[in-house]
């Protein structure tokens, strides 16, 4: 993530303001994506200890040169061989003379937390919940641009695979080809393990691709996304390889209408629950409310699932810069499933859909 040191310094300063508000002297960041967000470091096995007038990126000698390239201006503590991360973090907290230090409760095991207490003497370790994730929830123009890039890689790859689809292609083969094509188009990797499900297996929202062939059933569900190097995209489309009858067409149009209602509800000031409800009502009114068992969508960024959640209980108020998926679905065991998913950014005046792979009923019929 090539940026000036000030770009990440501003993010760390925002976190420092959170610490001051909560009367904490320091904060230990252990989640890799949060370390990346605050420093630009792309490696692993590295913590960030932050306090009001300093910081220490705690790593080991494998990453000395990488940190110098990616994190100019960040103070670094390279732990000696034989000194573990916990001991190094505790040592850094003592050296900085920190009294109360926050830690990421959702990303630290009980064992590590206890070890920190044992190694750090009089330092008081204070549990916190998703402080950095709350900073990450609103994306800047650079981040949105990178998500847009990931979306473009995913869409072009899907178009190529769709054009070359054969009746004898198996689910796993399609997933492998799609992930390979995304890499050829510049993606670092797939954003998550690609989901490909033929026929009744499409009723599994997270189906694992197997040996089922395209020719075995007319319904083919594909859920995929690209990782452009940092940021992710996430789409789902259903393809139909033969005439399947009025039930499918009725259900597909129902899900498509639900998605349109959900997207239309996205705007600054709307709650995530209101957006979920707008789409869910369409499916419930169509008589299939019980067949839509998951939330409408989720945030996407450095992680494929991050805040905010579009769900019935979410109280998040949408703000410009938030990026979410909108993915209603209907799943009928023994018959199959339909899910349609796009990535949407909240704008000052409403919303922008970042993904444009065709999805009308006429568009999804193909002849492999």
Protein backbone atom coordinates (compact mmCIF):
# COMPACT_ATOMS: atom_id res chain seq x y z
CA UNK A 1 0.00 0.00 0.00
CA UNK A 2 2.20 2.81 -1.32
CA UNK A 3 1.40 6.03 0.51
CA UNK A 4 3.19 8.82 2.28
CA UNK A 5 3.90 8.26 5.94
CA UNK A 6 1.37 11.01 6.73
CA UNK A 7 -1.45 8.91 5.25
CA UNK A 8 -1.06 6.24 7.92
CA UNK A 9 0.01 8.72 10.59
CA UNK A 10 -3.41 10.35 10.29
CA UNK A 11 -5.07 6.99 10.91
CA UNK A 12 -2.94 6.34 13.96
CA UNK A 13 -3.71 9.81 15.28
CA UNK A 14 -7.43 9.09 14.94
CA UNK A 15 -6.90 6.01 17.11
CA UNK A 16 -4.90 8.09 19.60
CA UNK A 17 -7.94 10.34 20.00
CA UNK A 18 -10.01 7.27 20.83
CA UNK A 19 -7.45 6.27 23.46
CA UNK A 20 -7.51 9.72 25.04
CA UNK A 21 -11.31 9.69 25.14
CA UNK A 22 -11.20 6.35 26.96
CA UNK A 23 -8.36 7.30 29.35
CA UNK A 24 -5.92 4.74 28.01
CA UNK A 25 -2.18 5.33 27.84
CA UNK A 26 -1.62 2.89 24.99
CA UNK A 27 -3.15 0.32 22.67
CA UNK A 28 -1.88 -3.02 21.38
CA UNK A 29 -3.04 -3.91 17.86
CA UNK A 30 -2.76 -7.61 17.09
CA UNK A 31 -5.21 -8.23 14.24
CA UNK A 32 -3.20 -8.33 10.98
CA UNK A 33 -5.72 -6.30 8.95
CA UNK A 34 -5.74 -3.60 11.62
CA UNK A 35 -1.95 -3.45 11.67
CA UNK A 36 -2.07 -3.06 7.89
CA UNK A 37 -4.69 -0.31 8.10
CA UNK A 38 -2.66 1.70 10.60
CA UNK A 39 0.82 1.22 9.12
CA UNK A 40 0.70 -0.12 5.55
CA UNK A 41 2.64 -3.24 6.56
CA UNK A 42 1.63 -6.28 4.49
CA UNK A 43 3.41 -9.05 6.38
CA UNK A 44 2.37 -11.20 9.29
CA UNK A 45 3.43 -12.01 12.86
CA UNK A 46 3.62 -8.32 13.73
CA UNK A 47 1.96 -6.21 16.43
CA UNK A 48 1.60 -2.45 16.74
CA UNK A 49 1.89 -0.82 20.17
CA UNK A 50 0.59 2.74 20.07
CA UNK A 51 0.65 5.53 22.67
CA UNK A 52 0.11 9.29 22.61
CA UNK A 53 3.64 10.35 21.68
CA UNK A 54 5.01 7.20 20.14
CA UNK A 55 4.57 3.76 18.65
CA UNK A 56 6.42 0.52 18.09
CA UNK A 57 5.87 -1.88 15.22
CA UNK A 58 6.94 -5.14 16.85
CA UNK A 59 8.21 -7.73 14.39
CA UNK A 60 11.18 -9.99 13.66
CA UNK A 61 14.20 -9.96 11.37
CA UNK A 62 12.35 -11.60 8.46
CA UNK A 63 10.50 -8.33 7.91
CA UNK A 64 13.21 -5.72 8.56
CA UNK A 65 13.61 -4.70 4.91
CA UNK A 66 9.90 -5.03 4.16
CA UNK A 67 8.98 -2.72 7.02
CA UNK A 68 11.56 -0.20 5.87
CA UNK A 69 9.97 -0.20 2.40
CA UNK A 70 6.32 -0.20 3.45
CA UNK A 71 6.32 1.77 6.69
CA UNK A 72 8.59 4.82 6.46
CA UNK A 73 8.43 6.93 9.58
CA UNK A 74 7.17 4.18 11.88
CA UNK A 75 9.34 3.28 14.85
CA UNK A 76 10.24 -0.39 14.75
CA UNK A 77 11.16 -2.94 17.42
CA UNK A 78 12.74 -6.07 15.92
CA UNK A 79 12.53 -8.74 18.57
CA UNK A 80 15.61 -10.93 19.05
CA UNK A 81 15.53 -14.58 18.10
CA UNK A 82 14.06 -16.56 20.97
CA UNK A 83 11.96 -13.67 22.29
CA UNK A 84 8.28 -14.28 21.53
CA UNK A 85 5.73 -11.70 20.49
CA UNK A 86 4.08 -11.57 23.91
CA UNK A 87 7.33 -10.94 25.74
CA UNK A 88 8.37 -8.35 23.16
CA UNK A 89 5.03 -6.51 23.43
CA UNK A 90 5.19 -6.54 27.22
CA UNK A 91 8.78 -5.28 27.09
CA UNK A 92 7.76 -2.45 24.74
CA UNK A 93 4.90 -1.43 27.05
CA UNK A 94 7.27 -1.32 30.04
CA UNK A 95 9.88 0.69 28.13
CA UNK A 96 7.22 3.24 27.16
CA UNK A 97 6.16 3.39 30.84
CA UNK A 98 2.53 2.75 29.97
CA UNK A 99 0.03 2.19 32.76
CA UNK A 100 -3.32 1.27 31.15
CA UNK A 101 -3.09 -0.38 27.72
CA UNK A 102 -6.03 -1.47 25.59
CA UNK A 103 -6.01 -4.70 23.63
CA UNK A 104 -8.25 -6.17 20.93
CA UNK A 105 -10.38 -8.62 22.88
CA UNK A 106 -11.86 -10.22 19.78
CA UNK A 107 -8.40 -11.14 18.46
CA UNK A 108 -6.41 -12.18 21.52
CA UNK A 109 -6.66 -15.60 23.09
CA UNK A 110 -7.09 -16.05 26.82
CA UNK A 111 -3.63 -17.63 26.94
CA UNK A 112 -1.97 -14.64 25.28
CA UNK A 113 -3.87 -12.21 27.48
CA UNK A 114 -2.73 -14.02 30.61
CA UNK A 115 0.85 -14.13 29.34
CA UNK A 116 0.80 -10.38 28.70
CA UNK A 117 -0.20 -9.80 32.31
CA UNK A 118 2.53 -12.07 33.60
CA UNK A 119 5.24 -10.49 31.42
CA UNK A 120 4.38 -6.80 31.78
CA UNK A 121 4.55 -6.19 35.52
CA UNK A 122 2.33 -3.31 36.61
CA UNK A 123 0.77 -2.65 33.19
CA UNK A 124 -3.02 -2.86 33.34
CA UNK A 125 -4.44 -4.49 30.20
CA UNK A 126 -7.92 -3.25 29.29
CA UNK A 127 -10.30 -5.13 27.01
CA UNK A 128 -11.66 -3.17 24.03
CA UNK A 129 -14.06 -4.09 21.24
CA UNK A 130 -13.45 -3.33 17.56
CA UNK A 131 -12.05 0.19 17.89
CA UNK A 132 -9.93 -0.03 14.74
CA UNK A 133 -12.74 -1.73 12.84
CA UNK A 134 -14.92 1.28 13.63
CA UNK A 135 -12.28 3.52 12.07
CA UNK A 136 -12.17 1.27 9.01
CA UNK A 137 -15.94 1.30 8.45
CA UNK A 138 -15.88 4.50 6.36
CA UNK A 139 -13.59 4.21 3.33
CA UNK A 140 -11.69 7.08 1.75
CA UNK A 141 -11.52 7.64 -2.02
CA UNK A 142 -8.34 5.56 -2.32
CA UNK A 143 -9.97 2.59 -0.61
CA UNK A 144 -13.13 2.84 -2.70
CA UNK A 145 -10.97 2.99 -5.82
CA UNK A 146 -9.24 -0.22 -4.82
CA UNK A 147 -12.55 -1.98 -4.14
CA UNK A 148 -13.72 -0.77 -7.56
CA UNK A 149 -10.55 -2.27 -9.05
CA UNK A 150 -11.19 -5.60 -7.32
CA UNK A 151 -14.76 -5.54 -8.62
CA UNK A 152 -13.52 -4.97 -12.16
CA UNK A 153 -11.11 -7.90 -11.92
CA UNK A 154 -13.88 -10.17 -10.65
CA UNK A 155 -16.38 -9.10 -13.30
CA UNK A 156 -13.98 -9.53 -16.22
CA UNK A 157 -12.92 -12.94 -14.96
CA UNK A 158 -16.54 -14.06 -14.64
CA UNK A 159 -17.31 -12.90 -18.18
CA UNK A 160 -14.40 -14.96 -19.50
CA UNK A 161 -15.43 -18.09 -17.61
CA UNK A 162 -19.08 -17.71 -18.57
CA UNK A 163 -18.09 -17.51 -22.25
CA UNK A 164 -16.05 -20.72 -22.02
CA UNK A 165 -18.40 -22.75 -19.80
CA UNK A 166 -18.90 -26.36 -20.91
CA UNK A 167 -21.54 -28.96 -19.95
CA UNK A 168 -18.87 -31.29 -18.52
CA UNK A 169 -17.33 -28.63 -16.27
CA UNK A 170 -17.43 -29.61 -12.61
CA UNK A 171 -18.09 -27.19 -9.76
CA UNK A 172 -14.51 -27.27 -8.48
CA UNK A 173 -13.13 -26.92 -11.98
CA UNK A 174 -15.20 -23.78 -12.55
CA UNK A 175 -14.03 -22.35 -9.21
CA UNK A 176 -10.39 -23.07 -10.05
CA UNK A 177 -10.69 -21.56 -13.53
CA UNK A 178 -12.39 -18.46 -12.17
CA UNK A 179 -9.73 -17.91 -9.51
CA UNK A 180 -6.97 -18.44 -12.07
CA UNK A 181 -8.60 -15.95 -14.43
CA UNK A 182 -8.79 -13.32 -11.69
CA UNK A 183 -5.05 -13.71 -11.12
CA UNK A 184 -4.39 -13.36 -14.84
CA UNK A 185 -6.30 -10.08 -14.71
CA UNK A 186 -4.08 -8.72 -11.96
CA UNK A 187 -5.70 -9.89 -8.73
CA UNK A 188 -3.39 -11.16 -6.01
CA UNK A 189 -5.80 -13.98 -5.31
CA UNK A 190 -9.47 -14.75 -4.79
CA UNK A 191 -11.06 -12.71 -2.02
CA UNK A 192 -12.37 -15.94 -0.46
CA UNK A 193 -12.82 -19.58 -1.54
CA UNK A 194 -15.10 -19.40 -4.58
CA UNK A 195 -18.54 -20.97 -4.21
CA UNK A 196 -19.91 -22.91 -7.18
CA UNK A 197 -23.07 -24.96 -6.73
CA UNK A 198 -25.07 -26.92 -9.29
CA UNK A 199 -28.79 -27.57 -8.83
CA UNK A 200 -30.01 -28.56 -5.35
CA UNK A 201 -26.60 -27.74 -3.85
CA UNK A 202 -27.35 -24.06 -4.52
CA UNK A 203 -29.60 -24.30 -1.46
CA UNK A 204 -26.38 -24.27 0.60
CA UNK A 205 -25.40 -20.60 0.95
CA UNK A 206 -21.73 -21.59 1.46
CA UNK A 207 -21.58 -24.70 -0.71
CA UNK A 208 -18.12 -26.21 -1.20
CA UNK A 209 -17.45 -26.89 -4.91
CA UNK A 210 -17.42 -30.59 -5.68
CA UNK A 211 -17.67 -32.97 -8.64
CA UNK A 212 -21.17 -32.07 -9.82
CA UNK A 213 -21.24 -31.12 -13.50
CA UNK A 214 -23.01 -28.25 -15.21
CA UNK A 215 -25.00 -30.64 -17.41
CA UNK A 216 -26.57 -32.34 -14.37
CA UNK A 217 -28.97 -29.47 -13.56
CA UNK A 218 -29.99 -26.17 -15.15
CA UNK A 219 -29.23 -24.01 -12.08
CA UNK A 220 -25.64 -22.87 -11.48
CA UNK A 221 -24.87 -20.48 -8.59
CA UNK A 222 -21.46 -18.78 -8.43
CA UNK A 223 -20.28 -16.58 -5.53
CA UNK A 224 -16.82 -15.09 -6.08
CA UNK A 225 -14.63 -12.07 -5.59
CA UNK A 226 -11.14 -10.71 -6.21
CA UNK A 227 -8.43 -9.47 -3.87
CA UNK A 228 -6.66 -6.74 -5.82
CA UNK A 229 -3.73 -6.78 -3.40
CA UNK A 230 -5.42 -5.29 -0.35
CA UNK A 231 -9.11 -4.72 -0.90
CA UNK A 232 -11.81 -7.22 -1.82
CA UNK A 233 -14.92 -7.56 -3.97
CA UNK A 234 -17.85 -9.96 -3.57
CA UNK A 235 -20.50 -10.93 -6.14
CA UNK A 236 -23.03 -13.70 -6.67
CA UNK A 237 -24.82 -14.64 -9.87
CA UNK A 238 -27.07 -17.48 -10.93
CA UNK A 239 -26.76 -18.89 -14.44
CA UNK A 240 -29.35 -21.10 -16.12
CA UNK A 241 -28.23 -23.59 -18.76
CA UNK A 242 -31.64 -24.89 -19.89
CA UNK A 243 -35.30 -23.94 -19.66
CA UNK A 244 -36.31 -24.59 -16.09
CA UNK A 245 -39.94 -23.52 -15.78
CA UNK A 246 -42.10 -20.85 -14.18
CA UNK A 247 -41.19 -21.55 -10.54
CA UNK A 248 -37.57 -20.61 -11.07
CA UNK A 249 -38.44 -17.51 -13.07
CA UNK A 250 -40.94 -16.39 -10.40
CA UNK A 251 -38.43 -16.87 -7.58
CA UNK A 252 -35.60 -15.27 -9.51
CA UNK A 253 -37.66 -12.16 -10.20
CA UNK A 254 -38.65 -12.07 -6.52
CA UNK A 255 -35.01 -12.10 -5.38
CA UNK A 256 -34.07 -9.54 -8.03
CA UNK A 257 -36.87 -7.23 -6.87
CA UNK A 258 -35.78 -7.69 -3.25
CA UNK A 259 -32.23 -6.73 -4.14
CA UNK A 260 -33.42 -3.66 -6.04
CA UNK A 261 -35.47 -2.61 -3.00
CA UNK A 262 -32.51 -3.05 -0.70
CA UNK A 263 -30.18 -1.07 -2.95
CA UNK A 264 -32.75 1.71 -3.31
CA UNK A 265 -32.96 1.99 0.49
CA UNK A 266 -29.23 2.70 0.86
CA UNK A 267 -28.57 6.35 1.64
CA UNK A 268 -26.82 8.41 4.31
CA UNK A 269 -28.88 8.40 7.51
CA UNK A 270 -30.68 5.12 6.85
CA UNK A 271 -30.05 2.37 9.35
CA UNK A 272 -28.65 -0.97 8.29
CA UNK A 273 -31.80 -2.63 9.68
CA UNK A 274 -34.01 -0.43 7.49
CA UNK A 275 -32.09 -1.48 4.39
CA UNK A 276 -32.39 -5.13 5.37
CA UNK A 277 -36.12 -4.69 6.00
CA UNK A 278 -36.73 -3.11 2.59
CA UNK A 279 -35.41 -6.20 0.82
CA UNK A 280 -36.75 -8.72 3.31
CA UNK A 281 -40.31 -7.40 2.98
CA UNK A 282 -40.33 -8.18 -0.73
CA UNK A 283 -39.40 -11.81 -0.10
CA UNK A 284 -41.80 -12.13 2.83
CA UNK A 285 -44.65 -10.66 0.81
CA UNK A 286 -43.83 -13.21 -1.88
CA UNK A 287 -44.32 -16.01 0.64
CA UNK A 288 -40.69 -17.06 1.06
CA UNK A 289 -39.59 -15.18 4.18
CA UNK A 290 -38.53 -18.37 5.94
CA UNK A 291 -36.33 -19.30 2.99
CA UNK A 292 -34.22 -16.13 3.48
CA UNK A 293 -32.35 -16.91 6.67
CA UNK A 294 -29.30 -14.65 6.61
CA UNK A 295 -28.69 -10.91 6.76
CA UNK A 296 -29.01 -8.84 3.60
CA UNK A 297 -25.30 -8.04 3.42
CA UNK A 298 -22.04 -7.05 5.04
CA UNK A 299 -19.25 -4.57 4.76
CA UNK A 300 -16.32 -5.33 2.46
CA UNK A 301 -12.82 -3.87 2.43
CA UNK A 302 -9.54 -5.23 3.77
CA UNK A 303 -11.65 -8.20 4.87
CA UNK A 304 -14.39 -9.89 2.90
CA UNK A 305 -16.71 -9.67 5.91
CA UNK A 306 -16.41 -6.54 8.01
CA UNK A 307 -18.59 -3.80 9.46
CA UNK A 308 -21.28 -2.73 8.86
CA UNK A 309 -23.69 -5.63 8.85
CA UNK A 310 -26.98 -5.25 6.99
CA UNK A 311 -29.20 -7.31 9.27
CA UNK A 312 -32.51 -7.02 11.11
CA UNK A 313 -30.82 -6.13 14.42
CA UNK A 314 -28.10 -3.80 13.17
CA UNK A 315 -28.37 -0.24 14.49
CA UNK A 316 -25.57 1.13 12.32
CA UNK A 317 -26.45 4.41 10.63
CA UNK A 318 -25.11 4.47 7.09
CA UNK A 319 -22.57 7.16 6.20
CA UNK A 320 -20.92 8.17 2.92
CA UNK A 321 -17.92 5.94 2.26
CA UNK A 322 -19.35 2.76 3.71
CA UNK A 323 -19.19 -0.17 1.26
CA UNK A 324 -21.62 -3.06 1.64
CA UNK A 325 -22.85 -6.10 -0.23
CA UNK A 326 -26.55 -6.50 -0.98
CA UNK A 327 -27.29 -10.22 -1.37
CA UNK A 328 -30.84 -11.44 -0.72
CA UNK A 329 -31.47 -15.11 -1.31
CA UNK A 330 -34.09 -17.84 -1.33
CA UNK A 331 -32.95 -21.37 -0.46
CA UNK A 332 -35.18 -24.41 -0.90
CA UNK A 333 -33.65 -27.74 0.24
CA UNK A 334 -33.89 -30.37 -2.45
CA UNK A 335 -34.66 -27.79 -5.14
CA UNK A 336 -31.88 -25.23 -5.14
CA UNK A 337 -31.16 -21.64 -4.26
CA UNK A 338 -31.09 -18.17 -5.78
CA UNK A 339 -28.85 -15.38 -4.51
CA UNK A 340 -27.95 -12.15 -6.29
CA UNK A 341 -25.14 -10.03 -4.84
CA UNK A 342 -23.54 -6.70 -5.69
CA UNK A 343 -21.19 -4.26 -3.96
CA UNK A 344 -22.58 -0.82 -3.14
CA UNK A 345 -20.91 2.31 -1.77
CA UNK A 346 -22.90 4.87 0.20
CA UNK A 347 -22.50 8.32 -1.38
CA UNK A 348 -23.45 11.79 -0.17
CA UNK A 349 -26.63 11.69 -2.23
CA UNK A 350 -27.51 8.01 -2.02
CA UNK A 351 -25.56 5.08 -3.36
CA UNK A 352 -23.41 3.79 -6.23
CA UNK A 353 -23.41 0.15 -7.32
CA UNK A 354 -19.80 -0.84 -8.01
CA UNK A 355 -20.60 -4.13 -9.77
CA UNK A 356 -22.45 -4.41 -13.06
CA UNK A 357 -22.34 -8.03 -14.21
CA UNK A 358 -25.67 -8.60 -16.04
CA UNK A 359 -28.40 -10.13 -13.89
CA UNK A 360 -31.74 -9.72 -15.63
CA UNK A 361 -33.70 -12.88 -16.29
CA UNK A 362 -32.88 -12.68 -19.99
CA UNK A 363 -29.17 -12.24 -19.24
CA UNK A 364 -28.70 -15.30 -17.07
CA UNK A 365 -29.83 -17.92 -19.61
CA UNK A 366 -26.80 -19.36 -21.39
CA UNK A 367 -26.03 -22.33 -23.66
CA UNK A 368 -22.76 -23.94 -22.57
